[in-house]
All heavy atoms as atom14 arrays in JSON, in Angstrom:
{
  "sequence": "GANSTDNLWPEAAWPRPGFHEKDEVENYLHRQVCRGRMTIAR",
  "atom14_mask": [
    [1, 1, 1, 1, 0, 0, 0, 0, 0, 0, 0, 0, 0, 0],
    [1, 1, 1, 1, 1, 0, 0, 0, 0, 0, 0, 0, 0, 0],
    [1, 1, 1, 1, 1, 1, 1, 1, 0, 0, 0, 0, 0, 0],
    [1, 1, 1, 1, 1, 1, 0, 0, 0, 0, 0, 0, 0, 0],
    [1, 1, 1, 1, 1, 1, 1, 0, 0, 0, 0, 0, 0, 0],
    [1, 1, 1, 1, 1, 1, 1, 1, 0, 0, 0, 0, 0, 0],
    [1, 1, 1, 1, 1, 1, 1, 1, 0, 0, 0, 0, 0, 0],
    [1, 1, 1, 1, 1, 1, 1, 1, 0, 0, 0, 0, 0, 0],
    [1, 1, 1, 1, 1, 1, 1, 1, 1, 1, 1, 1, 1, 1],
    [1, 1, 1, 1, 1, 1, 1, 0, 0, 0, 0, 0, 0, 0],
    [1, 1, 1, 1, 1, 1, 1, 1, 1, 0, 0, 0, 0, 0],
    [1, 1, 1, 1, 1, 0, 0, 0, 0, 0, 0, 0, 0, 0],
    [1, 1, 1, 1, 1, 0, 0, 0, 0, 0, 0, 0, 0, 0],
    [1, 1, 1, 1, 1, 1, 1, 1, 1, 1, 1, 1, 1, 1],
    [1, 1, 1, 1, 1, 1, 1, 0, 0, 0, 0, 0, 0, 0],
    [1, 1, 1, 1, 1, 1, 1, 1, 1, 1, 1, 0, 0, 0],
    [1, 1, 1, 1, 1, 1, 1, 0, 0, 0, 0, 0, 0, 0],
    [1, 1, 1, 1, 0, 0, 0, 0, 0, 0, 0, 0, 0, 0],
    [1, 1, 1, 1, 1, 1, 1, 1, 1, 1, 1, 0, 0, 0],
    [1, 1, 1, 1, 1, 1, 1, 1, 1, 1, 0, 0, 0, 0],
    [1, 1, 1, 1, 1, 1, 1, 1, 1, 0, 0, 0, 0, 0],
    [1, 1, 1, 1, 1, 1, 1, 1, 1, 0, 0, 0, 0, 0],
    [1, 1, 1, 1, 1, 1, 1, 1, 0, 0, 0, 0, 0, 0],
    [1, 1, 1, 1, 1, 1, 1, 1, 1, 0, 0, 0, 0, 0],
    [1, 1, 1, 1, 1, 1, 1, 0, 0, 0, 0, 0, 0, 0],
    [1, 1, 1, 1, 1, 1, 1, 1, 1, 0, 0, 0, 0, 0],
    [1, 1, 1, 1, 1, 1, 1, 1, 0, 0, 0, 0, 0, 0],
    [1, 1, 1, 1, 1, 1, 1, 1, 1, 1, 1, 1, 0, 0],
    [1, 1, 1, 1, 1, 1, 1, 1, 0, 0, 0, 0, 0, 0],
    [1, 1, 1, 1, 1, 1, 1, 1, 1, 1, 0, 0, 0, 0],
    [1, 1, 1, 1, 1, 1, 1, 1, 1, 1, 1, 0, 0, 0],
    [1, 1, 1, 1, 1, 1, 1, 1, 1, 0, 0, 0, 0, 0],
    [1, 1, 1, 1, 1, 1, 1, 0, 0, 0, 0, 0, 0, 0],
    [1, 1, 1, 1, 1, 1, 0, 0, 0, 0, 0, 0, 0, 0],
    [1, 1, 1, 1, 1, 1, 1, 1, 1, 1, 1, 0, 0, 0],
    [1, 1, 1, 1, 0, 0, 0, 0, 0, 0, 0, 0, 0, 0],
    [1, 1, 1, 1, 1, 1, 1, 1, 1, 1, 1, 0, 0, 0],
    [1, 1, 1, 1, 1, 1, 1, 1, 0, 0, 0, 0, 0, 0],
    [1, 1, 1, 1, 1, 1, 1, 0, 0, 0, 0, 0, 0, 0],
    [1, 1, 1, 1, 1, 1, 1, 1, 0, 0, 0, 0, 0, 0],
    [1, 1, 1, 1, 1, 0, 0, 0, 0, 0, 0, 0, 0, 0],
    [1, 1, 1, 1, 1, 1, 1, 1, 1, 1, 1, 0, 0, 0]
  ],
  "atom14_positions": [
    [[0.88, -1.23, 0.0], [-0.02, 0.1, 0.07], [0.89, 1.29, -0.02], [2.05, 1.19, 0.36], [0.0, 0.0, 0.0], [0.0, 0.0, 0.0], [0.0, 0.0, 0.0], [0.0, 0.0, 0.0], [0.0, 0.0, 0.0], [0.0, 0.0, 0.0], [0.0, 0.0, 0.0], [0.0, 0.0, 0.0], [0.0, 0.0, 0.0], [0.0, 0.0, 0.0]],
    [[0.28, 2.31, -0.38], [0.93, 3.7, -0.41], [0.57, 4.44, 0.77], [-0.47, 4.35, 1.41], [0.36, 4.38, -1.54], [0.0, 0.0, 0.0], [0.0, 0.0, 0.0], [0.0, 0.0, 0.0], [0.0, 0.0, 0.0], [0.0, 0.0, 0.0], [0.0, 0.0, 0.0], [0.0, 0.0, 0.0], [0.0, 0.0, 0.0], [0.0, 0.0, 0.0]],
    [[1.52, 5.27, 1.19], [1.44, 6.16, 2.31], [0.85, 7.46, 1.84], [1.51, 8.53, 1.87], [2.77, 6.34, 2.91], [2.68, 6.8, 4.34], [1.68, 6.78, 5.0], [3.74, 7.43, 4.8], [0.0, 0.0, 0.0], [0.0, 0.0, 0.0], [0.0, 0.0, 0.0], [0.0, 0.0, 0.0], [0.0, 0.0, 0.0], [0.0, 0.0, 0.0]],
    [[-0.42, 7.43, 1.41], [-1.03, 8.59, 0.83], [-2.51, 8.72, 1.42], [-2.95, 7.82, 1.95], [-1.15, 8.47, -0.56], [-2.09, 7.52, -0.87], [0.0, 0.0, 0.0], [0.0, 0.0, 0.0], [0.0, 0.0, 0.0], [0.0, 0.0, 0.0], [0.0, 0.0, 0.0], [0.0, 0.0, 0.0], [0.0, 0.0, 0.0], [0.0, 0.0, 0.0]],
    [[-2.99, 9.88, 1.47], [-4.25, 10.17, 2.12], [-5.36, 9.34, 1.34], [-6.34, 8.91, 2.0], [-4.7, 11.66, 1.96], [-4.57, 12.07, 0.62], [-3.72, 12.46, 2.91], [0.0, 0.0, 0.0], [0.0, 0.0, 0.0], [0.0, 0.0, 0.0], [0.0, 0.0, 0.0], [0.0, 0.0, 0.0], [0.0, 0.0, 0.0], [0.0, 0.0, 0.0]],
    [[-5.21, 9.0, 0.13], [-6.11, 8.14, -0.62], [-6.05, 6.74, 0.07], [-7.14, 5.89, -0.19], [-5.9, 7.99, -2.1], [-6.06, 9.2, -2.79], [-6.77, 10.15, -2.28], [-5.54, 9.38, -3.94], [0.0, 0.0, 0.0], [0.0, 0.0, 0.0], [0.0, 0.0, 0.0], [0.0, 0.0, 0.0], [0.0, 0.0, 0.0], [0.0, 0.0, 0.0]],
    [[-5.14, 6.32, 0.72], [-5.03, 4.96, 1.32], [-5.15, 5.0, 2.69], [-4.98, 3.99, 3.58], [-3.72, 4.33, 0.85], [-3.72, 2.78, 1.3], [-4.68, 2.09, 0.93], [-2.51, 2.47, 1.69], [0.0, 0.0, 0.0], [0.0, 0.0, 0.0], [0.0, 0.0, 0.0], [0.0, 0.0, 0.0], [0.0, 0.0, 0.0], [0.0, 0.0, 0.0]],
    [[-5.52, 6.18, 3.37], [-5.65, 6.27, 4.84], [-7.08, 6.53, 5.29], [-7.84, 7.12, 4.64], [-4.79, 7.39, 5.19], [-3.33, 7.25, 5.3], [-2.52, 8.5, 5.28], [-2.8, 6.16, 6.17], [0.0, 0.0, 0.0], [0.0, 0.0, 0.0], [0.0, 0.0, 0.0], [0.0, 0.0, 0.0], [0.0, 0.0, 0.0], [0.0, 0.0, 0.0]],
    [[-7.38, 6.08, 6.51], [-8.7, 6.27, 7.12], [-8.56, 6.12, 8.6], [-7.61, 5.51, 9.09], [-9.73, 5.31, 6.51], [-9.35, 3.84, 6.84], [-8.46, 3.18, 6.26], [-10.08, 2.87, 7.71], [-8.41, 1.85, 6.57], [-9.37, 1.72, 7.56], [-11.2, 3.04, 8.39], [-9.82, 0.51, 8.15], [-11.61, 1.94, 9.1], [-11.0, 0.7, 9.03]],
    [[-9.27, 6.89, 9.33], [-9.28, 6.79, 10.79], [-9.95, 5.57, 11.23], [-11.17, 5.23, 11.04], [-9.96, 8.02, 11.3], [-10.87, 8.5, 10.25], [-10.33, 7.92, 8.91], [0.0, 0.0, 0.0], [0.0, 0.0, 0.0], [0.0, 0.0, 0.0], [0.0, 0.0, 0.0], [0.0, 0.0, 0.0], [0.0, 0.0, 0.0], [0.0, 0.0, 0.0]],
    [[-9.16, 4.73, 11.91], [-9.79, 3.49, 12.39], [-9.79, 3.35, 13.9], [-8.88, 3.68, 14.59], [-9.0, 2.15, 11.94], [-9.61, 0.99, 12.22], [-8.89, -0.26, 11.51], [-7.77, -0.21, 11.3], [-9.51, -1.34, 11.43], [0.0, 0.0, 0.0], [0.0, 0.0, 0.0], [0.0, 0.0, 0.0], [0.0, 0.0, 0.0], [0.0, 0.0, 0.0]],
    [[-10.95, 3.03, 14.56], [-11.14, 2.89, 15.91], [-10.5, 1.69, 16.51], [-10.5, 0.71, 15.9], [-12.53, 2.94, 16.29], [0.0, 0.0, 0.0], [0.0, 0.0, 0.0], [0.0, 0.0, 0.0], [0.0, 0.0, 0.0], [0.0, 0.0, 0.0], [0.0, 0.0, 0.0], [0.0, 0.0, 0.0], [0.0, 0.0, 0.0], [0.0, 0.0, 0.0]],
    [[-10.11, 1.79, 17.8], [-9.6, 0.6, 18.48], [-10.87, -0.2, 19.03], [-10.74, -1.43, 19.11], [-8.7, 1.02, 19.71], [0.0, 0.0, 0.0], [0.0, 0.0, 0.0], [0.0, 0.0, 0.0], [0.0, 0.0, 0.0], [0.0, 0.0, 0.0], [0.0, 0.0, 0.0], [0.0, 0.0, 0.0], [0.0, 0.0, 0.0], [0.0, 0.0, 0.0]],
    [[-11.95, 0.47, 19.38], [-13.11, -0.13, 19.98], [-14.31, 0.33, 19.19], [-14.36, 1.47, 18.84], [-13.23, 0.3, 21.39], [-11.87, -0.01, 22.19], [-11.05, 0.87, 22.52], [-11.41, -1.31, 22.6], [-9.9, 0.32, 23.22], [-10.11, -1.04, 23.19], [-11.87, -2.47, 22.59], [-9.44, -1.91, 23.81], [-11.06, -3.53, 23.23], [-9.93, -3.34, 23.74]],
    [[-15.3, -0.56, 19.21], [-15.38, -1.89, 19.57], [-14.49, -2.88, 18.8], [-14.06, -2.46, 17.64], [-16.89, -2.27, 19.35], [-17.24, -1.53, 18.11], [-16.59, -0.14, 18.32], [0.0, 0.0, 0.0], [0.0, 0.0, 0.0], [0.0, 0.0, 0.0], [0.0, 0.0, 0.0], [0.0, 0.0, 0.0], [0.0, 0.0, 0.0], [0.0, 0.0, 0.0]],
    [[-14.19, -3.89, 19.42], [-13.38, -4.98, 18.66], [-14.21, -5.75, 17.68], [-15.46, -5.85, 17.9], [-12.8, -5.93, 19.71], [-11.68, -5.33, 20.62], [-11.11, -6.14, 21.52], [-10.32, -7.18, 20.88], [-9.9, -8.22, 21.45], [-10.1, -8.48, 22.79], [-9.27, -9.24, 20.77], [0.0, 0.0, 0.0], [0.0, 0.0, 0.0], [0.0, 0.0, 0.0]],
    [[-13.75, -6.05, 16.6], [-12.37, -5.99, 16.24], [-12.14, -4.37, 15.74], [-13.01, -3.78, 15.02], [-12.17, -6.86, 15.12], [-13.59, -7.08, 14.41], [-14.47, -6.86, 15.71], [0.0, 0.0, 0.0], [0.0, 0.0, 0.0], [0.0, 0.0, 0.0], [0.0, 0.0, 0.0], [0.0, 0.0, 0.0], [0.0, 0.0, 0.0], [0.0, 0.0, 0.0]],
    [[-10.95, -4.02, 16.1], [-10.43, -2.6, 15.74], [-9.23, -2.66, 15.2], [-8.72, -3.57, 14.69], [0.0, 0.0, 0.0], [0.0, 0.0, 0.0], [0.0, 0.0, 0.0], [0.0, 0.0, 0.0], [0.0, 0.0, 0.0], [0.0, 0.0, 0.0], [0.0, 0.0, 0.0], [0.0, 0.0, 0.0], [0.0, 0.0, 0.0], [0.0, 0.0, 0.0]],
    [[-8.46, -1.47, 15.32], [-7.21, -1.52, 14.62], [-6.16, -2.43, 15.13], [-5.18, -2.89, 14.37], [-6.6, -0.09, 14.54], [-6.14, 0.65, 15.79], [-4.9, 0.15, 16.41], [-6.94, 1.62, 16.44], [-4.5, 1.01, 17.51], [-6.47, 2.29, 17.52], [-5.16, 1.93, 18.14], [0.0, 0.0, 0.0], [0.0, 0.0, 0.0], [0.0, 0.0, 0.0]],
    [[-6.19, -2.83, 16.41], [-5.32, -3.81, 16.9], [-5.45, -5.17, 16.09], [-4.43, -5.82, 15.87], [-5.48, -4.0, 18.5], [-5.18, -2.79, 19.3], [-3.89, -2.38, 19.38], [-5.98, -1.93, 19.99], [-4.07, -1.23, 20.21], [-5.27, -1.04, 20.5], [0.0, 0.0, 0.0], [0.0, 0.0, 0.0], [0.0, 0.0, 0.0], [0.0, 0.0, 0.0]],
    [[-6.7, -5.5, 15.97], [-7.05, -6.79, 15.32], [-6.57, -6.66, 13.8], [-6.18, -7.5, 13.19], [-8.46, -7.21, 15.48], [-8.82, -7.7, 16.91], [-8.95, -6.51, 17.98], [-9.17, -5.22, 17.46], [-8.68, -6.74, 19.13], [0.0, 0.0, 0.0], [0.0, 0.0, 0.0], [0.0, 0.0, 0.0], [0.0, 0.0, 0.0], [0.0, 0.0, 0.0]],
    [[-6.88, -5.5, 13.28], [-6.39, -5.34, 11.81], [-4.95, -5.48, 11.63], [-4.41, -5.97, 10.71], [-6.9, -4.08, 11.25], [-6.61, -3.89, 9.69], [-7.25, -2.71, 9.15], [-6.9, -2.56, 7.62], [-5.6, -1.93, 7.48], [0.0, 0.0, 0.0], [0.0, 0.0, 0.0], [0.0, 0.0, 0.0], [0.0, 0.0, 0.0], [0.0, 0.0, 0.0]],
    [[-4.25, -5.06, 12.79], [-2.73, -5.15, 12.64], [-2.38, -6.65, 12.67], [-1.48, -7.1, 11.9], [-2.09, -4.54, 13.83], [-2.08, -3.02, 13.89], [-2.5, -2.46, 12.81], [-1.82, -2.43, 14.87], [0.0, 0.0, 0.0], [0.0, 0.0, 0.0], [0.0, 0.0, 0.0], [0.0, 0.0, 0.0], [0.0, 0.0, 0.0], [0.0, 0.0, 0.0]],
    [[-3.12, -7.56, 13.27], [-2.79, -8.9, 13.18], [-3.07, -9.53, 11.9], [-2.25, -10.36, 11.31], [-3.75, -9.61, 14.32], [-3.45, -9.34, 15.64], [-4.56, -10.02, 16.56], [-5.23, -10.97, 16.23], [-4.72, -9.52, 17.7], [0.0, 0.0, 0.0], [0.0, 0.0, 0.0], [0.0, 0.0, 0.0], [0.0, 0.0, 0.0], [0.0, 0.0, 0.0]],
    [[-4.12, -9.03, 11.3], [-4.39, -9.42, 9.87], [-3.43, -9.03, 8.84], [-2.93, -9.85, 8.03], [-5.9, -8.85, 9.41], [-6.05, -9.11, 7.86], [-6.93, -9.5, 10.2], [0.0, 0.0, 0.0], [0.0, 0.0, 0.0], [0.0, 0.0, 0.0], [0.0, 0.0, 0.0], [0.0, 0.0, 0.0], [0.0, 0.0, 0.0], [0.0, 0.0, 0.0]],
    [[-2.84, -7.81, 9.1], [-1.88, -7.34, 8.17], [-0.53, -8.17, 8.26], [0.04, -8.63, 7.33], [-1.46, -5.86, 8.53], [-2.52, -4.93, 8.33], [-2.4, -3.54, 8.87], [-1.2, -3.25, 9.43], [-3.28, -2.64, 8.71], [0.0, 0.0, 0.0], [0.0, 0.0, 0.0], [0.0, 0.0, 0.0], [0.0, 0.0, 0.0], [0.0, 0.0, 0.0]],
    [[-0.28, -8.5, 9.56], [0.96, -9.37, 9.74], [0.86, -10.77, 9.22], [1.69, -11.31, 8.6], [1.25, -9.46, 11.21], [1.79, -7.99, 11.78], [2.25, -7.27, 11.06], [1.49, -7.89, 13.04], [0.0, 0.0, 0.0], [0.0, 0.0, 0.0], [0.0, 0.0, 0.0], [0.0, 0.0, 0.0], [0.0, 0.0, 0.0], [0.0, 0.0, 0.0]],
    [[-0.39, -11.26, 9.47], [-0.81, -12.61, 8.9], [-0.69, -12.73, 7.42], [0.08, -13.64, 6.81], [-2.11, -13.1, 9.41], [-2.68, -14.27, 8.73], [-2.24, -15.56, 9.04], [-3.72, -14.16, 7.8], [-2.75, -16.65, 8.46], [-4.25, -15.26, 7.19], [-3.64, -16.57, 7.52], [-4.12, -17.74, 6.82], [0.0, 0.0, 0.0], [0.0, 0.0, 0.0]],
    [[-1.34, -11.72, 6.73], [-1.35, -11.8, 5.31], [0.09, -11.47, 4.73], [0.43, -12.1, 3.64], [-2.35, -10.69, 4.77], [-3.81, -11.04, 4.87], [-4.6, -9.89, 4.47], [-4.23, -12.38, 4.3], [0.0, 0.0, 0.0], [0.0, 0.0, 0.0], [0.0, 0.0, 0.0], [0.0, 0.0, 0.0], [0.0, 0.0, 0.0], [0.0, 0.0, 0.0]],
    [[0.8, -10.65, 5.41], [2.29, -10.45, 4.94], [2.92, -11.7, 4.98], [3.72, -12.09, 4.0], [2.91, -9.34, 5.83], [4.33, -9.05, 5.59], [5.4, -9.5, 6.08], [4.78, -8.24, 4.54], [6.45, -9.13, 5.67], [6.19, -8.32, 4.53], [0.0, 0.0, 0.0], [0.0, 0.0, 0.0], [0.0, 0.0, 0.0], [0.0, 0.0, 0.0]],
    [[2.79, -12.44, 6.04], [3.48, -13.8, 6.17], [3.08, -14.68, 5.13], [3.92, -15.48, 4.45], [3.3, -14.44, 7.56], [4.19, -13.75, 8.73], [4.11, -14.65, 9.96], [2.68, -14.98, 10.41], [1.88, -14.22, 11.16], [2.4, -13.08, 11.57], [0.74, -14.56, 11.55], [0.0, 0.0, 0.0], [0.0, 0.0, 0.0], [0.0, 0.0, 0.0]],
    [[1.83, -14.78, 4.82], [1.28, -15.74, 3.74], [1.98, -15.39, 2.39], [2.34, -16.22, 1.72], [-0.19, -15.46, 3.68], [-0.94, -16.14, 4.89], [-0.72, -17.51, 5.28], [0.13, -17.84, 6.07], [-1.38, -18.41, 4.55], [0.0, 0.0, 0.0], [0.0, 0.0, 0.0], [0.0, 0.0, 0.0], [0.0, 0.0, 0.0], [0.0, 0.0, 0.0]],
    [[1.9, -14.06, 2.15], [2.46, -13.6, 0.74], [3.95, -13.93, 0.76], [4.43, -14.47, -0.25], [2.2, -11.99, 0.56], [3.08, -11.54, -0.58], [0.77, -11.81, 0.32], [0.0, 0.0, 0.0], [0.0, 0.0, 0.0], [0.0, 0.0, 0.0], [0.0, 0.0, 0.0], [0.0, 0.0, 0.0], [0.0, 0.0, 0.0], [0.0, 0.0, 0.0]],
    [[4.78, -13.59, 1.77], [6.16, -13.79, 1.67], [6.55, -15.23, 1.73], [7.71, -15.66, 1.41], [6.86, -12.96, 2.71], [6.58, -11.16, 2.45], [0.0, 0.0, 0.0], [0.0, 0.0, 0.0], [0.0, 0.0, 0.0], [0.0, 0.0, 0.0], [0.0, 0.0, 0.0], [0.0, 0.0, 0.0], [0.0, 0.0, 0.0], [0.0, 0.0, 0.0]],
    [[5.8, -16.06, 2.19], [6.06, -17.48, 2.3], [5.55, -18.19, 0.99], [5.59, -19.51, 0.9], [5.31, -18.22, 3.57], [6.11, -17.8, 4.78], [5.35, -18.32, 6.04], [6.06, -17.8, 7.21], [5.46, -18.04, 8.34], [4.24, -18.49, 8.55], [6.19, -17.59, 9.52], [0.0, 0.0, 0.0], [0.0, 0.0, 0.0], [0.0, 0.0, 0.0]],
    [[4.96, -17.42, 0.08], [4.34, -17.89, -1.27], [3.09, -18.64, -1.05], [2.76, -19.42, -1.95], [0.0, 0.0, 0.0], [0.0, 0.0, 0.0], [0.0, 0.0, 0.0], [0.0, 0.0, 0.0], [0.0, 0.0, 0.0], [0.0, 0.0, 0.0], [0.0, 0.0, 0.0], [0.0, 0.0, 0.0], [0.0, 0.0, 0.0], [0.0, 0.0, 0.0]],
    [[2.38, -18.53, -0.05], [1.18, -19.25, 0.22], [-0.16, -18.45, -0.36], [-1.26, -18.9, -0.41], [0.85, -19.38, 1.74], [1.9, -20.36, 2.19], [1.71, -20.58, 3.68], [2.72, -21.52, 4.26], [3.1, -21.5, 5.55], [2.45, -20.65, 6.53], [4.01, -22.27, 6.0], [0.0, 0.0, 0.0], [0.0, 0.0, 0.0], [0.0, 0.0, 0.0]],
    [[0.19, -17.14, -0.78], [-0.92, -16.35, -1.34], [-0.29, -15.31, -2.23], [0.84, -14.82, -1.91], [-1.59, -15.63, -0.09], [-2.67, -14.73, -0.46], [-3.47, -14.0, 1.08], [-4.25, -15.26, 1.8], [0.0, 0.0, 0.0], [0.0, 0.0, 0.0], [0.0, 0.0, 0.0], [0.0, 0.0, 0.0], [0.0, 0.0, 0.0], [0.0, 0.0, 0.0]],
    [[-1.03, -14.87, -3.21], [-0.56, -13.78, -4.02], [-0.74, -12.44, -3.45], [-1.7, -12.3, -2.54], [-1.27, -13.84, -5.63], [-2.62, -13.54, -5.23], [-1.08, -15.13, -6.15], [0.0, 0.0, 0.0], [0.0, 0.0, 0.0], [0.0, 0.0, 0.0], [0.0, 0.0, 0.0], [0.0, 0.0, 0.0], [0.0, 0.0, 0.0], [0.0, 0.0, 0.0]],
    [[0.0, -11.5, -3.76], [-0.08, -10.13, -3.22], [-1.44, -9.6, -3.63], [-2.09, -8.92, -2.84], [1.16, -9.23, -3.65], [1.04, -7.99, -2.86], [1.13, -9.03, -5.1], [1.24, -8.07, -1.32], [0.0, 0.0, 0.0], [0.0, 0.0, 0.0], [0.0, 0.0, 0.0], [0.0, 0.0, 0.0], [0.0, 0.0, 0.0], [0.0, 0.0, 0.0]],
    [[-1.9, -9.89, -4.86], [-3.13, -9.31, -5.32], [-4.3, -9.89, -4.53], [-5.2, -9.18, -4.02], [-3.51, -9.63, -6.75], [0.0, 0.0, 0.0], [0.0, 0.0, 0.0], [0.0, 0.0, 0.0], [0.0, 0.0, 0.0], [0.0, 0.0, 0.0], [0.0, 0.0, 0.0], [0.0, 0.0, 0.0], [0.0, 0.0, 0.0], [0.0, 0.0, 0.0]],
    [[-4.25, -11.19, -4.07], [-5.31, -11.78, -3.21], [-5.27, -11.18, -1.84], [-6.28, -10.89, -1.28], [-5.12, -13.28, -3.28], [-6.14, -13.93, -2.4], [-6.05, -15.51, -2.58], [-6.86, -16.2, -1.54], [-6.47, -17.28, -0.85], [-5.37, -18.02, -1.27], [-7.39, -17.76, -0.06], [0.0, 0.0, 0.0], [0.0, 0.0, 0.0], [0.0, 0.0, 0.0]]
  ]
}
């Protein structure tokens, strides 16, 4: 993703799931892509 206002939004921590849980998703998907288990587009 790009570090631009078109790619940014204010995300709440609460109620859950919030930005903490999205961080978990980001890390999980990054691992999947870098291990060759998922395409970056997917």
